[in-house]
Amino acid sequence: MTVLVIDDELLARKRIISLLSRVEDVEIIGECQNGQDAITSINNLNPDLVFLDIEMKDMNGFDVMKNIDSEQSPLVIFVTAYDEFAIKAFDIFAIDYLLKPFENSRFYNSVNKAISFYKSQEHSNIGYKINEMIDYVSKVSHDHGNDLFSKKFPVRTGNKVNFIDQSSIKYVLASGSYPEIITEDKKIVVRDSLNNLLTSLNKDLFMRIHRSVIINIEFILEIIHSNHTDFDIKMKDGKLFRVGRSYRKTVKTRLRLK
């Protein structure tokens, strides 16, 4: 059984590949670090099994599955850390899912399940199951008024993943070695760059106004002009941020300032 590993985190890919190397009757034929490469590799390599990260920087796993050739539909084990609607979709339609962080034993249970399914007659129906799953996820996304993953923001702290409602994040600050996410009731330090965090945040809510500051525009109280070029943004909690010179034009356009 040929296997393709898709995850935008290098260490996550290496761990899966290392664990797979101990399994007989599987051949690792490639790895991908983003959704676009995943689509190309699935279409070109036609793997039997794919380990697919759900939330990558350029697209989510469902978008990958929507864009592959229907004749190339592989078995899929989703690697995820996401909410009840996604988990329900996996339970109904996917071969299995791995909830990060997962134990080695859980990983091998998933692999054995995939191997058994691959050898069964049900394998021929996998394309139909994938299409059903995509339809289900699209319907749930529509019914809930948003994409499944745009409301929750996953934050890894130690060996745990916490989920923050994006609407509760007031701003993100580059402070010291790592950024700080400031919500209405807590502060969370994350091991990531401000650039990476910005790509994962809802673009309708968040805006970068300085090289060290991202704000949620819903928490803006007022704009304060100090002279004809410089201006500050005052947040509802009283926090005052100077808009960086290179961000002024973008901020003015976004906020419709003259």
C-alpha atoms as a PDB file:
ATOM      1  CA  MET A   1       0.000   0.000   0.000  1.00  0.00           C
ATOM      2  CA  THR A   2       1.555   3.316  -1.087  1.00  0.00           C
ATOM      3  CA  VAL A   3       1.354   6.244   1.337  1.00  0.00           C
ATOM      4  CA  LEU A   4       1.623  10.029   0.981  1.00  0.00           C
ATOM      5  CA  VAL A   5       2.128  12.209   4.086  1.00  0.00           C
ATOM      6  CA  ILE A   6       0.708  15.756   4.001  1.00  0.00           C
ATOM      7  CA  ASP A   7       1.305  18.223   6.837  1.00  0.00           C
ATOM      8  CA  ASP A   8       2.657  21.769   6.903  1.00  0.00           C
ATOM      9  CA  GLU A   9       4.735  21.039  10.014  1.00  0.00           C
ATOM     10  CA  LEU A  10       8.067  19.360   9.267  1.00  0.00           C
ATOM     11  CA  LEU A  11       8.276  17.600  12.633  1.00  0.00           C
ATOM     12  CA  ALA A  12       4.741  16.238  12.252  1.00  0.00           C
ATOM     13  CA  ARG A  13       5.581  14.793   8.825  1.00  0.00           C
ATOM     14  CA  LYS A  14       8.822  13.274  10.095  1.00  0.00           C
ATOM     15  CA  ARG A  15       7.065  11.630  13.026  1.00  0.00           C
ATOM     16  CA  ILE A  16       4.432  10.014  10.806  1.00  0.00           C
ATOM     17  CA  ILE A  17       7.095   8.851   8.346  1.00  0.00           C
ATOM     18  CA  SER A  18       9.176   7.412  11.189  1.00  0.00           C
ATOM     19  CA  LEU A  19       6.186   5.507  12.572  1.00  0.00           C
ATOM     20  CA  LEU A  20       5.257   4.227   9.110  1.00  0.00           C
ATOM     21  CA  SER A  21       8.768   2.916   8.552  1.00  0.00           C
ATOM     22  CA  ARG A  22       8.038   0.220  11.131  1.00  0.00           C
ATOM     23  CA  VAL A  23       4.972  -1.060   9.290  1.00  0.00           C
ATOM     24  CA  GLU A  24       5.261  -3.900   6.793  1.00  0.00           C
ATOM     25  CA  ASP A  25       3.494  -3.767   3.446  1.00  0.00           C
ATOM     26  CA  VAL A  26       3.486   0.043   3.179  1.00  0.00           C
ATOM     27  CA  GLU A  27       5.644   2.179   0.899  1.00  0.00           C
ATOM     28  CA  ILE A  28       6.088   5.891   1.565  1.00  0.00           C
ATOM     29  CA  ILE A  29       6.092   7.587  -1.834  1.00  0.00           C
ATOM     30  CA  GLY A  30       6.248  11.237  -0.813  1.00  0.00           C
ATOM     31  CA  GLU A  31       5.512  14.067   1.570  1.00  0.00           C
ATOM     32  CA  CYS A  32       3.917  17.494   1.059  1.00  0.00           C
ATOM     33  CA  GLN A  33       4.018  20.671   3.127  1.00  0.00           C
ATOM     34  CA  ASN A  34       1.010  22.512   1.679  1.00  0.00           C
ATOM     35  CA  GLY A  35      -2.335  21.921   0.048  1.00  0.00           C
ATOM     36  CA  GLN A  36      -1.373  22.829  -3.492  1.00  0.00           C
ATOM     37  CA  ASP A  37       1.551  20.382  -3.502  1.00  0.00           C
ATOM     38  CA  ALA A  38      -0.788  17.787  -2.007  1.00  0.00           C
ATOM     39  CA  ILE A  39      -3.271  18.102  -4.883  1.00  0.00           C
ATOM     40  CA  THR A  40      -0.505  17.776  -7.471  1.00  0.00           C
ATOM     41  CA  SER A  41       1.121  14.810  -5.704  1.00  0.00           C
ATOM     42  CA  ILE A  42      -2.145  12.915  -5.211  1.00  0.00           C
ATOM     43  CA  ASN A  43      -3.062  13.373  -8.873  1.00  0.00           C
ATOM     44  CA  ASN A  44       0.401  12.400 -10.117  1.00  0.00           C
ATOM     45  CA  LEU A  45       1.398   9.654  -7.671  1.00  0.00           C
ATOM     46  CA  ASN A  46      -2.042   8.109  -7.071  1.00  0.00           C
ATOM     47  CA  PRO A  47      -1.306   6.942  -3.488  1.00  0.00           C
ATOM     48  CA  ASP A  48      -3.421   4.253  -1.844  1.00  0.00           C
ATOM     49  CA  LEU A  49      -3.430   6.043   1.521  1.00  0.00           C
ATOM     50  CA  VAL A  50      -2.975   9.677   2.514  1.00  0.00           C
ATOM     51  CA  PHE A  51      -2.283  11.136   5.947  1.00  0.00           C
ATOM     52  CA  LEU A  52      -3.831  14.566   5.544  1.00  0.00           C
ATOM     53  CA  ASP A  53      -3.423  17.537   7.875  1.00  0.00           C
ATOM     54  CA  ILE A  54      -6.714  19.413   8.104  1.00  0.00           C
ATOM     55  CA  GLU A  55      -5.569  23.003   8.542  1.00  0.00           C
ATOM     56  CA  MET A  56      -2.612  24.101   6.425  1.00  0.00           C
ATOM     57  CA  LYS A  57      -1.567  27.638   5.664  1.00  0.00           C
ATOM     58  CA  ASP A  58      -2.851  27.730   2.086  1.00  0.00           C
ATOM     59  CA  MET A  59      -6.003  25.597   2.391  1.00  0.00           C
ATOM     60  CA  ASN A  60      -7.684  22.990   4.569  1.00  0.00           C
ATOM     61  CA  GLY A  61      -7.807  19.252   3.974  1.00  0.00           C
ATOM     62  CA  PHE A  62     -11.343  19.366   2.627  1.00  0.00           C
ATOM     63  CA  ASP A  63     -10.248  21.822  -0.061  1.00  0.00           C
ATOM     64  CA  VAL A  64      -7.505  19.383  -1.040  1.00  0.00           C
ATOM     65  CA  MET A  65     -10.016  16.554  -1.433  1.00  0.00           C
ATOM     66  CA  LYS A  66     -12.359  18.783  -3.455  1.00  0.00           C
ATOM     67  CA  ASN A  67      -9.627  19.494  -5.987  1.00  0.00           C
ATOM     68  CA  ILE A  68      -8.160  16.081  -6.692  1.00  0.00           C
ATOM     69  CA  ASP A  69      -9.189  14.051  -9.728  1.00  0.00           C
ATOM     70  CA  SER A  70     -12.198  11.942  -8.797  1.00  0.00           C
ATOM     71  CA  GLU A  71     -10.510   8.830 -10.167  1.00  0.00           C
ATOM     72  CA  GLN A  72      -7.529   9.351  -7.829  1.00  0.00           C
ATOM     73  CA  SER A  73      -9.458   9.259  -4.526  1.00  0.00           C
ATOM     74  CA  PRO A  74      -7.190   7.594  -1.940  1.00  0.00           C
ATOM     75  CA  LEU A  75      -7.993   6.275   1.495  1.00  0.00           C
ATOM     76  CA  VAL A  76      -7.630   9.160   3.948  1.00  0.00           C
ATOM     77  CA  ILE A  77      -6.575   9.356   7.577  1.00  0.00           C
ATOM     78  CA  PHE A  78      -7.124  12.936   8.696  1.00  0.00           C
ATOM     79  CA  VAL A  79      -4.692  14.446  11.185  1.00  0.00           C
ATOM     80  CA  THR A  80      -6.558  17.094  13.111  1.00  0.00           C
ATOM     81  CA  ALA A  81      -7.224  18.973  16.303  1.00  0.00           C
ATOM     82  CA  TYR A  82     -10.607  20.382  15.423  1.00  0.00           C
ATOM     83  CA  ASP A  83     -14.231  20.682  16.431  1.00  0.00           C
ATOM     84  CA  GLU A  84     -17.234  18.394  16.734  1.00  0.00           C
ATOM     85  CA  PHE A  85     -18.550  18.943  13.203  1.00  0.00           C
ATOM     86  CA  ALA A  86     -15.275  17.885  11.632  1.00  0.00           C
ATOM     87  CA  ILE A  87     -14.965  14.883  13.960  1.00  0.00           C
ATOM     88  CA  LYS A  88     -18.487  13.807  13.051  1.00  0.00           C
ATOM     89  CA  ALA A  89     -17.578  14.015   9.361  1.00  0.00           C
ATOM     90  CA  PHE A  90     -14.545  11.813   9.953  1.00  0.00           C
ATOM     91  CA  ASP A  91     -16.574   9.283  11.926  1.00  0.00           C
ATOM     92  CA  ILE A  92     -19.115   8.964   9.137  1.00  0.00           C
ATOM     93  CA  PHE A  93     -17.024   9.149   5.991  1.00  0.00           C
ATOM     94  CA  ALA A  94     -13.263   8.912   6.593  1.00  0.00           C
ATOM     95  CA  ILE A  95     -11.254   5.778   7.233  1.00  0.00           C
ATOM     96  CA  ASP A  96     -10.064   7.294  10.504  1.00  0.00           C
ATOM     97  CA  TYR A  97      -8.668  10.436  12.093  1.00  0.00           C
ATOM     98  CA  LEU A  98      -5.799  11.187  14.460  1.00  0.00           C
ATOM     99  CA  LEU A  99      -6.456  13.873  17.030  1.00  0.00           C
ATOM    100  CA  LYS A 100      -3.265  15.780  17.805  1.00  0.00           C
ATOM    101  CA  PRO A 101      -1.345  15.029  19.939  1.00  0.00           C
ATOM    102  CA  PHE A 102      -1.813  11.272  19.392  1.00  0.00           C
ATOM    103  CA  GLU A 103      -0.161   8.237  20.967  1.00  0.00           C
ATOM    104  CA  ASN A 104       1.856   5.772  18.882  1.00  0.00           C
ATOM    105  CA  SER A 105      -0.654   3.021  19.662  1.00  0.00           C
ATOM    106  CA  ARG A 106      -3.489   5.168  18.300  1.00  0.00           C
ATOM    107  CA  PHE A 107      -1.486   5.765  15.124  1.00  0.00           C
ATOM    108  CA  TYR A 108      -0.925   2.057  14.507  1.00  0.00           C
ATOM    109  CA  ASN A 109      -4.595   1.300  15.134  1.00  0.00           C
ATOM    110  CA  SER A 110      -5.426   3.760  12.342  1.00  0.00           C
ATOM    111  CA  VAL A 111      -2.871   2.236   9.992  1.00  0.00           C
ATOM    112  CA  ASN A 112      -4.147  -1.299  10.628  1.00  0.00           C
ATOM    113  CA  LYS A 113      -7.693  -0.108  10.028  1.00  0.00           C
ATOM    114  CA  ALA A 114      -6.637   1.416   6.700  1.00  0.00           C
ATOM    115  CA  ILE A 115      -4.798  -1.743   5.641  1.00  0.00           C
ATOM    116  CA  SER A 116      -7.850  -3.886   6.424  1.00  0.00           C
ATOM    117  CA  PHE A 117     -10.086  -1.524   4.488  1.00  0.00           C
ATOM    118  CA  TYR A 118      -7.646  -1.468   1.564  1.00  0.00           C
ATOM    119  CA  LYS A 119      -7.830  -5.260   1.314  1.00  0.00           C
ATOM    120  CA  SER A 120     -11.629  -5.306   1.498  1.00  0.00           C
ATOM    121  CA  GLN A 121     -14.134  -4.958  -1.331  1.00  0.00           C
ATOM    122  CA  GLU A 122     -15.309  -1.653   0.158  1.00  0.00           C
ATOM    123  CA  HIS A 123     -12.132  -0.055  -1.153  1.00  0.00           C
ATOM    124  CA  SER A 124     -13.737   0.445  -4.565  1.00  0.00           C
ATOM    125  CA  ASN A 125     -16.356   2.766  -3.027  1.00  0.00           C
ATOM    126  CA  ILE A 126     -13.889   5.227  -1.489  1.00  0.00           C
ATOM    127  CA  GLY A 127     -14.414   7.920  -4.148  1.00  0.00           C
ATOM    128  CA  TYR A 128     -18.130   7.941  -3.429  1.00  0.00           C
ATOM    129  CA  LYS A 129     -17.482   8.225   0.333  1.00  0.00           C
ATOM    130  CA  ILE A 130     -15.109  11.151  -0.172  1.00  0.00           C
ATOM    131  CA  ASN A 131     -17.695  13.004  -2.271  1.00  0.00           C
ATOM    132  CA  GLU A 132     -20.332  12.357   0.397  1.00  0.00           C
ATOM    133  CA  MET A 133     -18.010  13.755   3.061  1.00  0.00           C
ATOM    134  CA  ILE A 134     -17.332  16.929   1.056  1.00  0.00           C
ATOM    135  CA  ASP A 135     -21.075  17.450   0.568  1.00  0.00           C
ATOM    136  CA  TYR A 136     -21.660  16.947   4.289  1.00  0.00           C
ATOM    137  CA  VAL A 137     -18.940  19.405   5.336  1.00  0.00           C
ATOM    138  CA  SER A 138     -20.182  21.999   2.834  1.00  0.00           C
ATOM    139  CA  LYS A 139     -23.715  21.706   4.180  1.00  0.00           C
ATOM    140  CA  VAL A 140     -22.621  22.001   7.821  1.00  0.00           C
ATOM    141  CA  SER A 141     -20.430  24.980   6.974  1.00  0.00           C
ATOM    142  CA  HIS A 142     -23.363  26.686   5.262  1.00  0.00           C
ATOM    143  CA  ASP A 143     -25.792  25.895   8.086  1.00  0.00           C
ATOM    144  CA  HIS A 144     -23.440  27.380  10.663  1.00  0.00           C
ATOM    145  CA  GLY A 145     -22.791  30.495   8.631  1.00  0.00           C
ATOM    146  CA  ASN A 146     -19.042  30.086   8.355  1.00  0.00           C
ATOM    147  CA  ASP A 147     -16.215  27.757   7.491  1.00  0.00           C
ATOM    148  CA  LEU A 148     -15.718  25.017  10.061  1.00  0.00           C
ATOM    149  CA  PHE A 149     -12.321  26.258  11.076  1.00  0.00           C
ATOM    150  CA  SER A 150     -12.620  30.032  10.843  1.00  0.00           C
ATOM    151  CA  LYS A 151     -14.225  30.510  14.271  1.00  0.00           C
ATOM    152  CA  LYS A 152     -11.765  28.512  16.349  1.00  0.00           C
ATOM    153  CA  PHE A 153      -8.060  29.237  16.574  1.00  0.00           C
ATOM    154  CA  PRO A 154      -5.828  26.317  17.652  1.00  0.00           C
ATOM    155  CA  VAL A 155      -2.977  27.229  19.988  1.00  0.00           C
ATOM    156  CA  ARG A 156      -0.424  24.637  21.025  1.00  0.00           C
ATOM    157  CA  THR A 157       0.912  25.019  24.569  1.00  0.00           C
ATOM    158  CA  GLY A 158       3.249  22.237  25.639  1.00  0.00           C
ATOM    159  CA  ASN A 159       1.627  18.920  24.748  1.00  0.00           C
ATOM    160  CA  LYS A 160      -1.880  20.367  24.556  1.00  0.00           C
ATOM    161  CA  VAL A 161      -3.879  22.219  21.921  1.00  0.00           C
ATOM    162  CA  ASN A 162      -6.268  24.891  23.178  1.00  0.00           C
ATOM    163  CA  PHE A 163      -9.061  26.314  21.028  1.00  0.00           C
ATOM    164  CA  ILE A 164      -9.786  30.016  21.235  1.00  0.00           C
ATOM    165  CA  ASP A 165     -12.808  31.727  19.764  1.00  0.00           C
ATOM    166  CA  GLN A 166     -11.290  34.155  17.267  1.00  0.00           C
ATOM    167  CA  SER A 167     -13.953  36.705  18.125  1.00  0.00           C
ATOM    168  CA  SER A 168     -12.592  36.861  21.702  1.00  0.00           C
ATOM    169  CA  ILE A 169      -9.039  37.772  20.609  1.00  0.00           C
ATOM    170  CA  LYS A 170      -8.458  41.514  21.059  1.00  0.00           C
ATOM    171  CA  TYR A 171      -4.935  41.726  19.685  1.00  0.00           C
ATOM    172  CA  VAL A 172      -1.711  39.798  19.165  1.00  0.00           C
ATOM    173  CA  LEU A 173       1.590  41.323  20.222  1.00  0.00           C
ATOM    174  CA  ALA A 174       5.178  40.425  19.414  1.00  0.00           C
ATOM    175  CA  SER A 175       6.604  40.615  22.920  1.00  0.00           C
ATOM    176  CA  GLY A 176      10.001  39.144  23.791  1.00  0.00           C
ATOM    177  CA  SER A 177      10.829  35.845  22.118  1.00  0.00           C
ATOM    178  CA  TYR A 178       7.281  34.805  21.227  1.00  0.00           C
ATOM    179  CA  PRO A 179       3.967  36.483  20.369  1.00  0.00           C
ATOM    180  CA  GLU A 180       1.258  36.964  22.981  1.00  0.00           C
ATOM    181  CA  ILE A 181      -2.413  36.443  22.162  1.00  0.00           C
ATOM    182  CA  ILE A 182      -4.545  38.744  24.297  1.00  0.00           C
ATOM    183  CA  THR A 183      -8.191  37.752  24.717  1.00  0.00           C
ATOM    184  CA  GLU A 184     -10.928  39.264  26.832  1.00  0.00           C
ATOM    185  CA  ASP A 185      -9.925  37.166  29.826  1.00  0.00           C
ATOM    186  CA  LYS A 186      -6.394  35.813  29.361  1.00  0.00           C
ATOM    187  CA  LYS A 187      -2.970  36.094  27.773  1.00  0.00           C
ATOM    188  CA  ILE A 188      -1.436  33.153  25.879  1.00  0.00           C
ATOM    189  CA  VAL A 189       2.200  32.958  24.782  1.00  0.00           C
ATOM    190  CA  VAL A 190       2.668  30.922  21.587  1.00  0.00           C
ATOM    191  CA  ARG A 191       5.778  29.507  19.922  1.00  0.00           C
ATOM    192  CA  ASP A 192       5.177  30.899  16.464  1.00  0.00           C
ATOM    193  CA  SER A 193       5.844  33.968  14.366  1.00  0.00           C
ATOM    194  CA  LEU A 194       3.454  36.861  13.943  1.00  0.00           C
ATOM    195  CA  ASN A 195       3.429  36.202  10.193  1.00  0.00           C
ATOM    196  CA  ASN A 196       2.306  32.595  10.663  1.00  0.00           C
ATOM    197  CA  LEU A 197      -0.367  33.583  13.151  1.00  0.00           C
ATOM    198  CA  LEU A 198      -1.754  36.184  10.764  1.00  0.00           C
ATOM    199  CA  THR A 199      -2.214  33.611   7.981  1.00  0.00           C
ATOM    200  CA  SER A 200      -4.342  31.478  10.327  1.00  0.00           C
ATOM    201  CA  LEU A 201      -6.537  34.287  11.658  1.00  0.00           C
ATOM    202  CA  ASN A 202      -9.840  35.314  10.090  1.00  0.00           C
ATOM    203  CA  LYS A 203      -8.961  38.008   7.558  1.00  0.00           C
ATOM    204  CA  ASP A 204     -12.346  39.675   8.020  1.00  0.00           C
ATOM    205  CA  LEU A 205     -11.583  40.322  11.699  1.00  0.00           C
ATOM    206  CA  PHE A 206      -7.848  40.851  11.965  1.00  0.00           C
ATOM    207  CA  MET A 207      -5.450  43.430  10.589  1.00  0.00           C
ATOM    208  CA  ARG A 208      -1.749  44.053  11.087  1.00  0.00           C
ATOM    209  CA  ILE A 209      -1.053  47.681  11.994  1.00  0.00           C
ATOM    210  CA  HIS A 210       2.594  47.432  13.046  1.00  0.00           C
ATOM    211  CA  ARG A 211       5.406  44.925  12.649  1.00  0.00           C
ATOM    212  CA  SER A 212       4.689  43.826  16.220  1.00  0.00           C
ATOM    213  CA  VAL A 213       0.896  44.284  16.437  1.00  0.00           C
ATOM    214  CA  ILE A 214      -2.168  42.537  14.984  1.00  0.00           C
ATOM    215  CA  ILE A 215      -5.565  43.816  16.094  1.00  0.00           C
ATOM    216  CA  ASN A 216      -9.163  42.614  15.941  1.00  0.00           C
ATOM    217  CA  ILE A 217     -11.028  45.477  14.286  1.00  0.00           C
ATOM    218  CA  GLU A 218     -14.162  44.673  16.322  1.00  0.00           C
ATOM    219  CA  PHE A 219     -12.310  45.922  19.427  1.00  0.00           C
ATOM    220  CA  ILE A 220     -11.364  49.334  17.977  1.00  0.00           C
ATOM    221  CA  LEU A 221     -12.760  52.239  19.986  1.00  0.00           C
ATOM    222  CA  GLU A 222     -11.407  55.239  18.089  1.00  0.00           C
ATOM    223  CA  ILE A 223      -8.675  56.639  15.847  1.00  0.00           C
ATOM    224  CA  ILE A 224      -6.483  59.402  17.262  1.00  0.00           C
ATOM    225  CA  HIS A 225      -4.517  61.659  14.886  1.00  0.00           C
ATOM    226  CA  SER A 226      -1.342  63.109  16.395  1.00  0.00           C
ATOM    227  CA  ASN A 227      -0.416  65.065  13.244  1.00  0.00           C
ATOM    228  CA  HIS A 228      -1.220  64.992   9.531  1.00  0.00           C
ATOM    229  CA  THR A 229       0.570  61.643   8.988  1.00  0.00           C
ATOM    230  CA  ASP A 230       0.843  59.792  12.310  1.00  0.00           C
ATOM    231  CA  PHE A 231      -2.176  58.256  13.973  1.00  0.00           C
ATOM    232  CA  ASP A 232      -2.949  55.792  16.772  1.00  0.00           C
ATOM    233  CA  ILE A 233      -5.655  53.204  17.274  1.00  0.00           C
ATOM    234  CA  LYS A 234      -7.290  53.119  20.689  1.00  0.00           C
ATOM    235  CA  MET A 235      -8.876  49.813  21.657  1.00  0.00           C
ATOM    236  CA  LYS A 236     -11.996  49.375  23.789  1.00  0.00           C
ATOM    237  CA  ASP A 237      -9.854  48.293  26.748  1.00  0.00           C
ATOM    238  CA  GLY A 238      -7.911  51.562  26.574  1.00  0.00           C
ATOM    239  CA  LYS A 239      -4.796  50.112  24.927  1.00  0.00           C
ATOM    240  CA  LEU A 240      -3.213  52.555  22.476  1.00  0.00           C
ATOM    241  CA  PHE A 241      -1.251  51.387  19.415  1.00  0.00           C
ATOM    242  CA  ARG A 242       0.742  53.539  16.987  1.00  0.00           C
ATOM    243  CA  VAL A 243       0.154  52.515  13.361  1.00  0.00           C
ATOM    244  CA  GLY A 244       3.476  51.709  11.723  1.00  0.00           C
ATOM    245  CA  ARG A 245       4.584  53.878   8.832  1.00  0.00           C
ATOM    246  CA  SER A 246       4.603  51.004   6.307  1.00  0.00           C
ATOM    247  CA  TYR A 247       1.090  49.949   7.376  1.00  0.00           C
ATOM    248  CA  ARG A 248      -0.624  53.363   7.251  1.00  0.00           C
ATOM    249  CA  LYS A 249      -1.961  53.121   3.705  1.00  0.00           C
ATOM    250  CA  THR A 250      -3.376  49.627   4.188  1.00  0.00           C
ATOM    251  CA  VAL A 251      -4.953  50.553   7.532  1.00  0.00           C
ATOM    252  CA  LYS A 252      -6.516  53.727   6.107  1.00  0.00           C
ATOM    253  CA  THR A 253      -7.978  51.776   3.207  1.00  0.00           C
ATOM    254  CA  ARG A 254      -9.288  49.001   5.444  1.00  0.00           C
ATOM    255  CA  LEU A 255     -10.865  51.442   7.920  1.00  0.00           C
ATOM    256  CA  ARG A 256     -11.996  53.845   5.193  1.00  0.00           C
ATOM    257  CA  LEU A 257     -10.064  56.759   6.629  1.00  0.00           C
ATOM    258  CA  LYS A 258      -9.429  59.849   4.523  1.00  0.00           C
END
